[in-house]
Amino acid sequence: MARRKMRYLPLLILLISFFSQRIDAQELYFRLSGGYAWEAGKTEFNDADPNEITRIRQSTDVTLNADGTVTIEALNGTLGEGYKAMATVGYMFAPYFGVELTGTYFHGRETLIGRFQSPSAQSEAVAFLRGFDVMPAIILTPGLDGINPYTRFGLILSAGGDLTVETAVDQANGIGPNADLRIRAETEVQPRFSIGYSAVAGVTFPITETLRVFGELQYNNFSLEGEEAEIKEFTSLAVSDDETNLLPGRQLEDLPVSEKKFIFKDQFTQSATQEPPADEPRVLPTRYLNASNVGINIGLRIGLNPKGSASVKPGY
């Protein structure tokens, strides 16, 4: 029995040696990258006009034609299209497995979310996201010395930023003969802490022993839950051929609190016979902001061996 056990001793020593060498190949690294993302997983846009000043129907482009017909086009999409800048710190426990933490700044493209047009009036609302998120992730890779593929899976954690909705209303003769009405408004929506998920497939190309370039395809499934919103800018103007005047009593400071501040809740109770208090924010049903996207990233990966040995090869 003892001899039979001794036969497996060289194999056991070989396995321990192999895995010790693999585990010893640890590496700290940094990545700097940028990219662009396009909409993915399109849905309806939220209602951008609680005060009903624009006549815009949710997620539609409506045209009232001169002949009395109406043309309606659905506007579906996400607010996930835009530019990205990313910084990452990561650690490879072995050439084929590691973890990392990425901070991303997202600069969203202005997206048309609603419009109404007629021969005498036009209303339009555009929205965009600007903000930061953090993504902890797990990396899997074969750990090849040359061109090396990898995949990464992680969570998206909102870390700051907001949604901005810009609204414009132009109505010919809206004030009177030869006096047009012009309204401009800007609303900011603050989201609650939200969680999404991300999946990445990419490949690295070695330049030096510690420096690599990489390119990757990234898919994010991410929705932000709105917490509150506020109209930050609101101006009403009378526009004639030779002058533009502010309309008295129809500026931001003239709006009651209930018409410029809003709180989103999953469930609430209100009176069926009385209007909500004018000096308190209006409560509205919870709204989600779809920010899902698919995009490409390119950048540099800089490897740093915590043990200071140049012999340790990059994990990916």
Protein backbone atom coordinates (compact mmCIF):
# COMPACT_ATOMS: atom_id res chain seq x y z
CA MET A 1 0.00 0.00 0.00
CA ALA A 2 2.83 2.42 0.87
CA ARG A 3 4.53 1.74 -2.51
CA ARG A 4 1.27 2.44 -4.37
CA LYS A 5 1.04 5.80 -2.61
CA MET A 6 4.65 6.59 -3.41
CA ARG A 7 3.96 6.10 -7.14
CA TYR A 8 1.64 9.12 -7.09
CA LEU A 9 4.07 11.31 -5.15
CA PRO A 10 6.00 12.61 -8.23
CA LEU A 11 2.67 13.50 -9.94
CA LEU A 12 1.47 15.30 -6.82
CA ILE A 13 4.72 17.26 -6.58
CA LEU A 14 4.43 18.18 -10.27
CA LEU A 15 0.86 19.44 -9.86
CA ILE A 16 1.76 21.46 -6.75
CA SER A 17 4.72 22.98 -8.58
CA PHE A 18 2.60 23.84 -11.64
CA PHE A 19 -0.17 25.56 -9.71
CA SER A 20 2.34 27.32 -7.47
CA GLN A 21 3.98 28.83 -10.53
CA ARG A 22 0.62 29.84 -12.00
CA ILE A 23 -0.59 31.42 -8.76
CA ASP A 24 2.77 33.15 -8.32
CA ALA A 25 2.20 34.93 -11.65
CA GLN A 26 0.24 37.71 -9.98
CA GLU A 27 0.03 41.18 -11.42
CA LEU A 28 -1.38 44.60 -10.64
CA TYR A 29 -2.36 46.67 -13.69
CA PHE A 30 -4.04 49.85 -14.83
CA ARG A 31 -6.13 50.55 -17.94
CA LEU A 32 -7.01 53.85 -19.58
CA SER A 33 -9.59 53.78 -22.35
CA GLY A 34 -12.28 55.58 -24.26
CA GLY A 35 -15.18 54.54 -26.42
CA TYR A 36 -18.57 55.17 -27.91
CA ALA A 37 -21.87 53.41 -27.22
CA TRP A 38 -25.11 53.08 -29.18
CA GLU A 39 -28.65 52.46 -27.99
CA ALA A 40 -29.63 48.86 -27.18
CA GLY A 41 -32.85 47.39 -25.79
CA LYS A 42 -35.09 50.27 -26.86
CA THR A 43 -38.18 51.18 -24.84
CA GLU A 44 -40.62 54.11 -24.58
CA PHE A 45 -39.31 57.38 -23.21
CA ASN A 46 -40.84 58.85 -20.08
CA ASP A 47 -43.29 61.75 -20.10
CA ALA A 48 -41.15 64.89 -20.06
CA ASP A 49 -43.94 67.39 -19.41
CA PRO A 50 -45.91 66.96 -16.15
CA ASN A 51 -47.31 70.51 -16.55
CA GLU A 52 -48.72 69.82 -20.03
CA ILE A 53 -47.36 73.03 -21.54
CA THR A 54 -45.96 71.44 -24.70
CA ARG A 55 -48.80 69.21 -26.01
CA ILE A 56 -46.17 66.49 -26.48
CA ARG A 57 -47.54 62.97 -26.13
CA GLN A 58 -45.17 60.51 -24.48
CA SER A 59 -42.58 59.04 -26.82
CA THR A 60 -44.22 60.30 -30.03
CA ASP A 61 -43.48 62.64 -32.93
CA VAL A 62 -46.87 64.10 -33.92
CA THR A 63 -47.44 66.35 -36.94
CA LEU A 64 -50.76 68.11 -37.51
CA ASN A 65 -50.83 68.75 -41.26
CA ALA A 66 -52.45 71.70 -43.00
CA ASP A 67 -54.97 69.38 -44.68
CA GLY A 68 -56.33 68.24 -41.31
CA THR A 69 -54.55 64.88 -41.21
CA VAL A 70 -52.25 63.81 -38.39
CA THR A 71 -48.96 61.96 -38.85
CA ILE A 72 -47.76 60.03 -35.81
CA GLU A 73 -44.35 58.40 -35.42
CA ALA A 74 -43.30 56.34 -32.40
CA LEU A 75 -40.11 57.50 -30.69
CA ASN A 76 -38.54 54.56 -28.88
CA GLY A 77 -34.97 54.23 -27.70
CA THR A 78 -32.65 54.64 -24.73
CA LEU A 79 -30.53 57.42 -23.31
CA GLY A 80 -27.44 55.21 -23.53
CA GLU A 81 -25.83 56.62 -26.67
CA GLY A 82 -22.73 58.74 -26.15
CA TYR A 83 -19.03 58.93 -25.37
CA LYS A 84 -17.25 57.15 -22.52
CA ALA A 85 -13.95 57.71 -20.69
CA MET A 86 -12.73 54.99 -18.35
CA ALA A 87 -9.97 54.33 -15.81
CA THR A 88 -9.42 50.86 -14.34
CA VAL A 89 -7.33 49.22 -11.65
CA GLY A 90 -7.13 45.43 -11.74
CA TYR A 91 -5.35 42.45 -10.22
CA MET A 92 -4.64 39.08 -11.83
CA PHE A 93 -4.53 36.26 -9.31
CA ALA A 94 -3.32 33.99 -12.10
CA PRO A 95 -2.72 34.44 -15.85
CA TYR A 96 -6.29 33.27 -16.50
CA PHE A 97 -8.30 34.89 -13.69
CA GLY A 98 -8.53 38.34 -12.13
CA VAL A 99 -10.72 41.12 -10.77
CA GLU A 100 -10.90 44.81 -11.52
CA LEU A 101 -12.71 48.05 -10.71
CA THR A 102 -13.57 50.56 -13.46
CA GLY A 103 -14.74 54.14 -13.13
CA THR A 104 -16.61 55.52 -16.17
CA TYR A 105 -17.67 59.02 -17.15
CA PHE A 106 -20.54 59.00 -19.66
CA HIS A 107 -21.34 61.99 -21.88
CA GLY A 108 -24.72 61.17 -23.42
CA ARG A 109 -25.92 62.36 -26.81
CA GLU A 110 -28.96 64.63 -26.97
CA THR A 111 -31.92 62.44 -27.90
CA LEU A 112 -35.32 63.52 -29.21
CA ILE A 113 -37.93 62.08 -26.82
CA GLY A 114 -41.07 63.90 -27.98
CA ARG A 115 -42.31 66.42 -30.53
CA PHE A 116 -45.52 68.10 -31.66
CA GLN A 117 -45.74 70.12 -34.88
CA SER A 118 -48.57 72.02 -36.55
CA PRO A 119 -48.77 74.87 -39.08
CA SER A 120 -48.77 77.40 -36.23
CA ALA A 121 -46.84 75.72 -33.40
CA GLN A 122 -43.92 73.45 -32.63
CA SER A 123 -42.96 71.78 -29.36
CA GLU A 124 -39.89 69.62 -28.84
CA ALA A 125 -38.21 67.83 -25.94
CA VAL A 126 -34.67 66.41 -25.96
CA ALA A 127 -32.90 64.57 -23.14
CA PHE A 128 -29.37 63.49 -22.28
CA LEU A 129 -27.50 61.74 -19.48
CA ARG A 130 -24.23 62.94 -17.98
CA GLY A 131 -22.65 61.12 -15.07
CA PHE A 132 -20.37 58.55 -13.49
CA ASP A 133 -20.65 54.85 -12.69
CA VAL A 134 -18.44 52.21 -11.13
CA MET A 135 -18.10 48.62 -12.36
CA PRO A 136 -16.56 45.80 -10.28
CA ALA A 137 -15.89 42.84 -12.56
CA ILE A 138 -14.35 39.38 -12.97
CA ILE A 139 -11.94 38.68 -15.88
CA LEU A 140 -11.45 35.31 -17.55
CA THR A 141 -8.74 34.73 -20.16
CA PRO A 142 -6.49 31.91 -21.46
CA GLY A 143 -3.46 34.06 -20.53
CA LEU A 144 -1.64 33.81 -23.87
CA ASP A 145 1.71 35.55 -24.29
CA GLY A 146 0.84 37.09 -27.67
CA ILE A 147 -2.58 38.21 -28.91
CA ASN A 148 -4.86 37.25 -26.05
CA PRO A 149 -8.69 37.18 -25.92
CA TYR A 150 -10.61 37.80 -22.72
CA THR A 151 -14.09 38.22 -21.34
CA ARG A 152 -15.29 40.31 -18.42
CA PHE A 153 -18.52 40.25 -16.40
CA GLY A 154 -19.52 42.82 -13.83
CA LEU A 155 -22.06 45.05 -12.15
CA ILE A 156 -22.78 48.70 -12.99
CA LEU A 157 -23.25 50.89 -9.91
CA SER A 158 -24.47 54.46 -10.39
CA ALA A 159 -22.11 56.94 -8.73
CA GLY A 160 -23.42 60.39 -9.69
CA GLY A 161 -24.87 62.54 -12.44
CA ASP A 162 -28.34 63.38 -13.71
CA LEU A 163 -30.73 63.45 -16.64
CA THR A 164 -31.40 66.79 -18.32
CA VAL A 165 -34.56 67.44 -20.35
CA GLU A 166 -34.66 70.56 -22.54
CA THR A 167 -38.07 71.70 -23.77
CA ALA A 168 -38.85 74.32 -26.44
CA VAL A 169 -42.27 75.67 -27.45
CA ASP A 170 -42.83 78.11 -30.33
CA GLN A 171 -46.35 79.25 -31.22
CA ALA A 172 -47.11 81.79 -33.91
CA ASN A 173 -49.47 84.53 -32.70
CA GLY A 174 -49.58 82.79 -29.33
CA ILE A 175 -49.77 86.11 -27.48
CA GLY A 176 -51.80 88.00 -30.05
CA PRO A 177 -51.59 89.28 -33.64
CA ASN A 178 -47.93 89.50 -34.70
CA ALA A 179 -46.79 88.41 -31.22
CA ASP A 180 -45.42 84.90 -31.01
CA LEU A 181 -45.08 82.83 -27.83
CA ARG A 182 -41.70 81.27 -27.03
CA ILE A 183 -41.15 79.02 -24.00
CA ARG A 184 -37.85 77.46 -22.97
CA ALA A 185 -37.49 75.06 -20.03
CA GLU A 186 -34.77 72.85 -18.60
CA THR A 187 -35.51 70.06 -16.12
CA GLU A 188 -33.02 67.98 -14.13
CA VAL A 189 -33.91 64.49 -12.93
CA GLN A 190 -31.90 63.06 -10.03
CA PRO A 191 -31.73 59.24 -9.98
CA ARG A 192 -31.60 56.91 -7.03
CA PHE A 193 -28.69 54.50 -6.59
CA SER A 194 -29.22 51.91 -9.32
CA ILE A 195 -27.58 48.63 -10.36
CA GLY A 196 -27.15 47.11 -13.83
CA TYR A 197 -24.87 44.56 -15.40
CA SER A 198 -22.21 44.53 -18.10
CA ALA A 199 -20.59 41.92 -20.35
CA VAL A 200 -17.41 42.49 -22.36
CA ALA A 201 -15.46 40.51 -24.97
CA GLY A 202 -12.09 41.80 -26.12
CA VAL A 203 -8.54 41.12 -27.16
CA THR A 204 -5.16 42.53 -26.10
CA PHE A 205 -2.08 43.05 -28.29
CA PRO A 206 1.38 43.14 -26.67
CA ILE A 207 3.69 46.12 -27.26
CA THR A 208 6.22 45.49 -24.49
CA GLU A 209 6.37 43.06 -21.59
CA THR A 210 4.15 45.30 -19.46
CA LEU A 211 2.32 47.44 -22.04
CA ARG A 212 -0.58 46.25 -24.19
CA VAL A 213 -3.24 47.86 -26.35
CA PHE A 214 -6.74 46.45 -26.34
CA GLY A 215 -10.06 46.66 -28.11
CA GLU A 216 -13.37 45.36 -26.80
CA LEU A 217 -17.09 45.13 -27.38
CA GLN A 218 -19.24 46.00 -24.35
CA TYR A 219 -22.93 45.47 -23.64
CA ASN A 220 -24.59 47.27 -20.71
CA ASN A 221 -28.07 46.56 -19.39
CA PHE A 222 -28.80 49.52 -17.16
CA SER A 223 -31.83 51.50 -15.99
CA LEU A 224 -31.79 54.43 -13.59
CA GLU A 225 -34.67 54.85 -11.15
CA GLY A 226 -35.77 58.48 -10.82
CA GLU A 227 -35.84 59.94 -7.32
CA GLU A 228 -36.83 63.57 -7.89
CA ALA A 229 -36.97 66.21 -10.61
CA GLU A 230 -36.92 69.99 -10.73
CA ILE A 231 -37.44 72.60 -13.43
CA LYS A 232 -34.23 74.64 -13.21
CA GLU A 233 -34.93 77.10 -16.01
CA PHE A 234 -38.24 78.41 -17.35
CA THR A 235 -38.79 81.51 -19.49
CA SER A 236 -41.86 82.70 -21.39
CA LEU A 237 -41.29 85.33 -24.08
CA ALA A 238 -43.42 87.46 -26.35
CA VAL A 239 -41.61 87.77 -29.68
CA SER A 240 -42.55 90.34 -32.32
CA ASP A 241 -40.73 91.64 -35.38
CA ASP A 242 -38.71 94.23 -33.52
CA GLU A 243 -38.54 93.13 -29.86
CA THR A 244 -38.58 90.28 -27.36
CA ASN A 245 -40.15 90.72 -23.91
CA LEU A 246 -40.48 88.57 -20.83
CA LEU A 247 -44.10 87.74 -20.05
CA PRO A 248 -44.91 88.99 -16.52
CA GLY A 249 -46.16 86.34 -14.13
CA ARG A 250 -45.04 83.47 -16.38
CA GLN A 251 -41.40 82.97 -15.38
CA LEU A 252 -39.67 80.38 -13.19
CA GLU A 253 -40.09 82.39 -10.00
CA ASP A 254 -43.84 82.63 -10.68
CA LEU A 255 -44.39 78.86 -10.82
CA PRO A 256 -45.75 77.28 -7.62
CA VAL A 257 -43.58 74.57 -6.04
CA SER A 258 -46.00 71.85 -7.24
CA GLU A 259 -45.35 72.82 -10.86
CA LYS A 260 -41.56 72.88 -10.75
CA LYS A 261 -40.55 70.21 -8.21
CA PHE A 262 -41.51 66.53 -8.39
CA ILE A 263 -40.90 63.44 -6.26
CA PHE A 264 -41.19 59.89 -7.61
CA LYS A 265 -42.68 57.10 -5.48
CA ASP A 266 -43.79 53.52 -6.09
CA GLN A 267 -46.96 54.01 -4.07
CA PHE A 268 -48.71 57.07 -2.63
CA THR A 269 -52.16 58.34 -1.66
CA GLN A 270 -53.69 61.65 -2.70
CA SER A 271 -57.07 63.33 -2.61
CA ALA A 272 -59.51 62.56 -5.42
CA THR A 273 -61.37 65.84 -4.95
CA GLN A 274 -58.69 68.39 -4.07
CA GLU A 275 -55.62 69.58 -5.91
CA PRO A 276 -52.24 68.78 -4.30
CA PRO A 277 -50.83 71.61 -2.15
CA ALA A 278 -49.26 74.26 -4.37
CA ASP A 279 -46.37 74.87 -1.93
CA GLU A 280 -45.20 71.24 -1.89
CA PRO A 281 -43.48 69.11 -4.57
CA ARG A 282 -45.91 67.05 -6.64
CA VAL A 283 -45.71 63.28 -6.17
CA LEU A 284 -45.60 61.20 -9.37
CA PRO A 285 -45.32 57.45 -10.07
CA THR A 286 -41.74 56.11 -10.18
CA ARG A 287 -40.05 56.44 -13.56
CA TYR A 288 -37.11 54.49 -14.94
CA LEU A 289 -34.57 55.92 -17.36
CA ASN A 290 -33.36 53.29 -19.81
CA ALA A 291 -29.60 53.75 -20.38
CA SER A 292 -28.81 50.37 -21.97
CA ASN A 293 -26.23 50.37 -24.76
CA VAL A 294 -23.68 48.43 -26.78
CA GLY A 295 -20.34 50.00 -27.65
CA ILE A 296 -16.67 49.69 -28.45
CA ASN A 297 -13.70 50.67 -26.28
CA ILE A 298 -9.99 51.00 -27.08
CA GLY A 299 -7.12 51.81 -24.75
CA LEU A 300 -3.82 50.96 -23.07
CA ARG A 301 -3.11 48.42 -20.36
CA ILE A 302 -0.09 49.01 -18.11
CA GLY A 303 1.08 46.04 -16.05
CA LEU A 304 2.79 46.45 -12.68
CA ASN A 305 4.16 43.43 -10.83
CA PRO A 306 3.74 43.90 -7.09
CA LYS A 307 6.81 41.73 -6.45
CA GLY A 308 8.96 43.85 -8.75
CA SER A 309 10.03 40.91 -10.90
CA ALA A 310 10.18 41.58 -14.62
CA SER A 311 9.83 37.87 -15.27
CA VAL A 312 6.13 37.80 -14.41
CA LYS A 313 4.07 37.89 -17.61
CA PRO A 314 0.84 39.85 -18.00
CA GLY A 315 -2.33 37.90 -17.40
CA TYR A 316 -4.20 39.41 -20.35
